[in-house]
């Protein structure tokens, strides 16, 4: 497989999995069959920016769309687009757009379709994830009785 095709496969993986917070440089470089450092150089040569810059731009573009159209908090949007830190998200968003996420929303809300309810946006993006089961209760009232000290 030639170099261009391998780099494009890695870029395709970023385009497909951009919202996955677990998407990291090693994973993407593996799609191209390169070490992380060789991949960074080859990607920048092909696309004019590093893989990290490209992924940040993809996530920021999606965040712009959600800020304009979805009734979600900045924190919810931050996590939906693959950032794990609201501070990092806000700083990178401002670097890219010149505005904080809140300023962007204020400036652009109402210029498109009506706001989409946040629950629909979260469901569409896979934002509702079941909480891990810590312990299985047999009866919904069991915890209440256990916590109150009452005998059953």
Protein backbone atom coordinates (compact mmCIF):
# COMPACT_ATOMS: atom_id res chain seq x y z
CA UNK A 1 0.00 0.00 0.00
CA UNK A 2 1.43 3.39 -0.92
CA UNK A 3 2.15 6.21 1.54
CA UNK A 4 -0.72 8.47 0.39
CA UNK A 5 -3.30 5.72 0.80
CA UNK A 6 -2.06 4.80 4.28
CA UNK A 7 -2.20 8.42 5.45
CA UNK A 8 -5.69 8.79 3.94
CA UNK A 9 -6.89 5.68 5.82
CA UNK A 10 -5.71 7.23 9.07
CA UNK A 11 -7.43 10.53 8.21
CA UNK A 12 -10.61 8.57 7.40
CA UNK A 13 -10.41 6.98 10.87
CA UNK A 14 -10.22 10.46 12.42
CA UNK A 15 -13.15 11.63 10.29
CA UNK A 16 -15.19 8.63 11.40
CA UNK A 17 -14.21 8.47 15.09
CA UNK A 18 -13.58 12.16 15.87
CA UNK A 19 -15.97 12.14 18.86
CA UNK A 20 -14.24 9.22 20.58
CA UNK A 21 -12.22 10.66 23.49
CA UNK A 22 -10.08 7.51 23.36
CA UNK A 23 -8.88 8.30 19.85
CA UNK A 24 -5.21 9.01 20.30
CA UNK A 25 -2.14 9.47 18.15
CA UNK A 26 -0.93 5.89 18.56
CA UNK A 27 -4.28 4.50 17.40
CA UNK A 28 -4.41 6.76 14.36
CA UNK A 29 -0.76 6.12 13.48
CA UNK A 30 -1.47 2.39 13.62
CA UNK A 31 -4.12 2.87 10.89
CA UNK A 32 -1.34 4.18 8.68
CA UNK A 33 1.21 1.60 9.80
CA UNK A 34 3.63 4.26 11.10
CA UNK A 35 5.26 5.12 14.37
CA UNK A 36 3.64 8.15 15.98
CA UNK A 37 6.54 10.50 15.11
CA UNK A 38 6.83 9.39 11.49
CA UNK A 39 3.05 9.64 11.16
CA UNK A 40 2.99 13.23 12.45
CA UNK A 41 5.56 14.28 9.85
CA UNK A 42 3.86 12.40 7.00
CA UNK A 43 0.39 13.69 7.92
CA UNK A 44 1.57 17.30 8.15
CA UNK A 45 3.33 16.97 4.82
CA UNK A 46 0.12 15.62 3.22
CA UNK A 47 -2.48 17.89 4.88
CA UNK A 48 -0.61 20.96 6.13
CA UNK A 49 -1.38 20.40 9.82
CA UNK A 50 -0.58 17.83 12.46
CA UNK A 51 -3.06 15.03 13.24
CA UNK A 52 -3.81 16.69 16.58
CA UNK A 53 -4.60 20.01 14.89
CA UNK A 54 -6.79 18.26 12.35
CA UNK A 55 -8.73 16.38 15.02
CA UNK A 56 -9.18 19.56 17.07
CA UNK A 57 -10.56 21.34 13.99
CA UNK A 58 -13.00 18.51 13.28
CA UNK A 59 -14.23 18.52 16.88
CA UNK A 60 -14.49 22.31 16.95
CA UNK A 61 -16.51 22.37 13.72
CA UNK A 62 -18.96 19.88 15.20
CA UNK A 63 -19.12 21.90 18.44
CA UNK A 64 -19.95 25.02 16.40
CA UNK A 65 -22.86 23.17 14.83
CA UNK A 66 -24.14 21.93 18.20
CA UNK A 67 -23.78 25.36 19.82
CA UNK A 68 -25.94 26.85 17.05
CA UNK A 69 -28.58 24.15 16.96
CA UNK A 70 -28.79 22.06 20.13
CA UNK A 71 -30.16 22.98 23.51
CA UNK A 72 -27.18 21.54 25.40
CA UNK A 73 -24.77 23.06 27.89
CA UNK A 74 -21.21 23.88 26.87
CA UNK A 75 -20.03 21.06 29.13
CA UNK A 76 -22.31 18.53 27.42
CA UNK A 77 -21.12 19.67 24.00
CA UNK A 78 -17.51 19.52 25.14
CA UNK A 79 -17.88 15.85 26.03
CA UNK A 80 -20.01 14.97 23.00
CA UNK A 81 -17.34 16.18 20.60
CA UNK A 82 -14.56 14.24 22.32
CA UNK A 83 -12.89 16.68 24.71
CA UNK A 84 -12.43 15.53 28.29
CA UNK A 85 -11.68 18.98 29.74
CA UNK A 86 -13.99 21.98 29.45
CA UNK A 87 -11.00 24.30 29.95
CA UNK A 88 -9.08 22.74 27.06
CA UNK A 89 -12.21 22.71 24.91
CA UNK A 90 -12.91 26.40 25.58
CA UNK A 91 -9.30 27.44 24.96
CA UNK A 92 -9.04 25.50 21.69
CA UNK A 93 -12.47 26.67 20.58
CA UNK A 94 -11.49 30.30 21.18
CA UNK A 95 -8.21 29.84 19.33
CA UNK A 96 -10.08 28.41 16.33
CA UNK A 97 -13.11 30.75 16.25
CA UNK A 98 -11.96 33.84 18.16
CA UNK A 99 -14.87 33.42 20.59
CA UNK A 100 -15.52 31.35 23.68
CA UNK A 101 -18.21 28.69 23.23
CA UNK A 102 -20.71 30.84 25.17
CA UNK A 103 -19.91 33.94 23.11
CA UNK A 104 -20.22 31.88 19.93
CA UNK A 105 -23.63 30.60 20.98
CA UNK A 106 -24.87 34.08 21.87
CA UNK A 107 -23.73 35.46 18.54
CA UNK A 108 -25.06 32.62 16.36
CA UNK A 109 -28.22 31.23 18.00
CA UNK A 110 -31.31 32.04 15.99
CA UNK A 111 -29.51 32.12 12.64
CA UNK A 112 -30.50 28.61 11.72
CA UNK A 113 -33.21 26.16 12.55
CA UNK A 114 -34.88 26.16 15.93
CA UNK A 115 -32.86 24.67 18.74
CA UNK A 116 -32.93 20.90 18.86
CA UNK A 117 -33.84 19.59 22.32
CA UNK A 118 -30.71 18.43 24.08
CA UNK A 119 -32.10 14.96 24.73
CA UNK A 120 -32.39 14.33 20.98
CA UNK A 121 -28.88 15.61 20.31
CA UNK A 122 -27.48 13.48 23.15
CA UNK A 123 -29.33 10.39 21.93
CA UNK A 124 -28.18 10.95 18.34
CA UNK A 125 -24.58 11.35 19.45
CA UNK A 126 -24.69 8.34 21.75
CA UNK A 127 -24.43 10.59 24.79
CA UNK A 128 -26.74 8.51 26.94
CA UNK A 129 -24.65 5.70 28.30
CA UNK A 130 -25.90 3.41 31.04
CA UNK A 131 -24.14 3.87 34.35
CA UNK A 132 -21.98 0.92 35.34
CA UNK A 133 -23.78 -1.40 37.72
CA UNK A 134 -22.10 -1.30 41.10
CA UNK A 135 -24.40 -3.68 42.88
CA UNK A 136 -27.64 -5.20 41.76
CA UNK A 137 -30.70 -4.42 43.87
CA UNK A 138 -33.41 -7.04 44.05
CA UNK A 139 -36.13 -4.66 45.15
CA UNK A 140 -36.29 -0.91 44.47
CA UNK A 141 -37.25 -0.30 48.12
CA UNK A 142 -34.42 -2.41 49.46
CA UNK A 143 -31.89 0.42 49.62
CA UNK A 144 -34.37 2.72 51.33
CA UNK A 145 -35.07 0.17 54.05
CA UNK A 146 -31.38 -0.68 54.45
CA UNK A 147 -30.44 3.02 54.76
CA UNK A 148 -33.23 3.84 57.22
CA UNK A 149 -32.40 0.98 59.54
CA UNK A 150 -35.92 -0.47 59.26
CA UNK A 151 -36.39 -4.19 59.30
CA UNK A 152 -38.30 -5.72 56.42
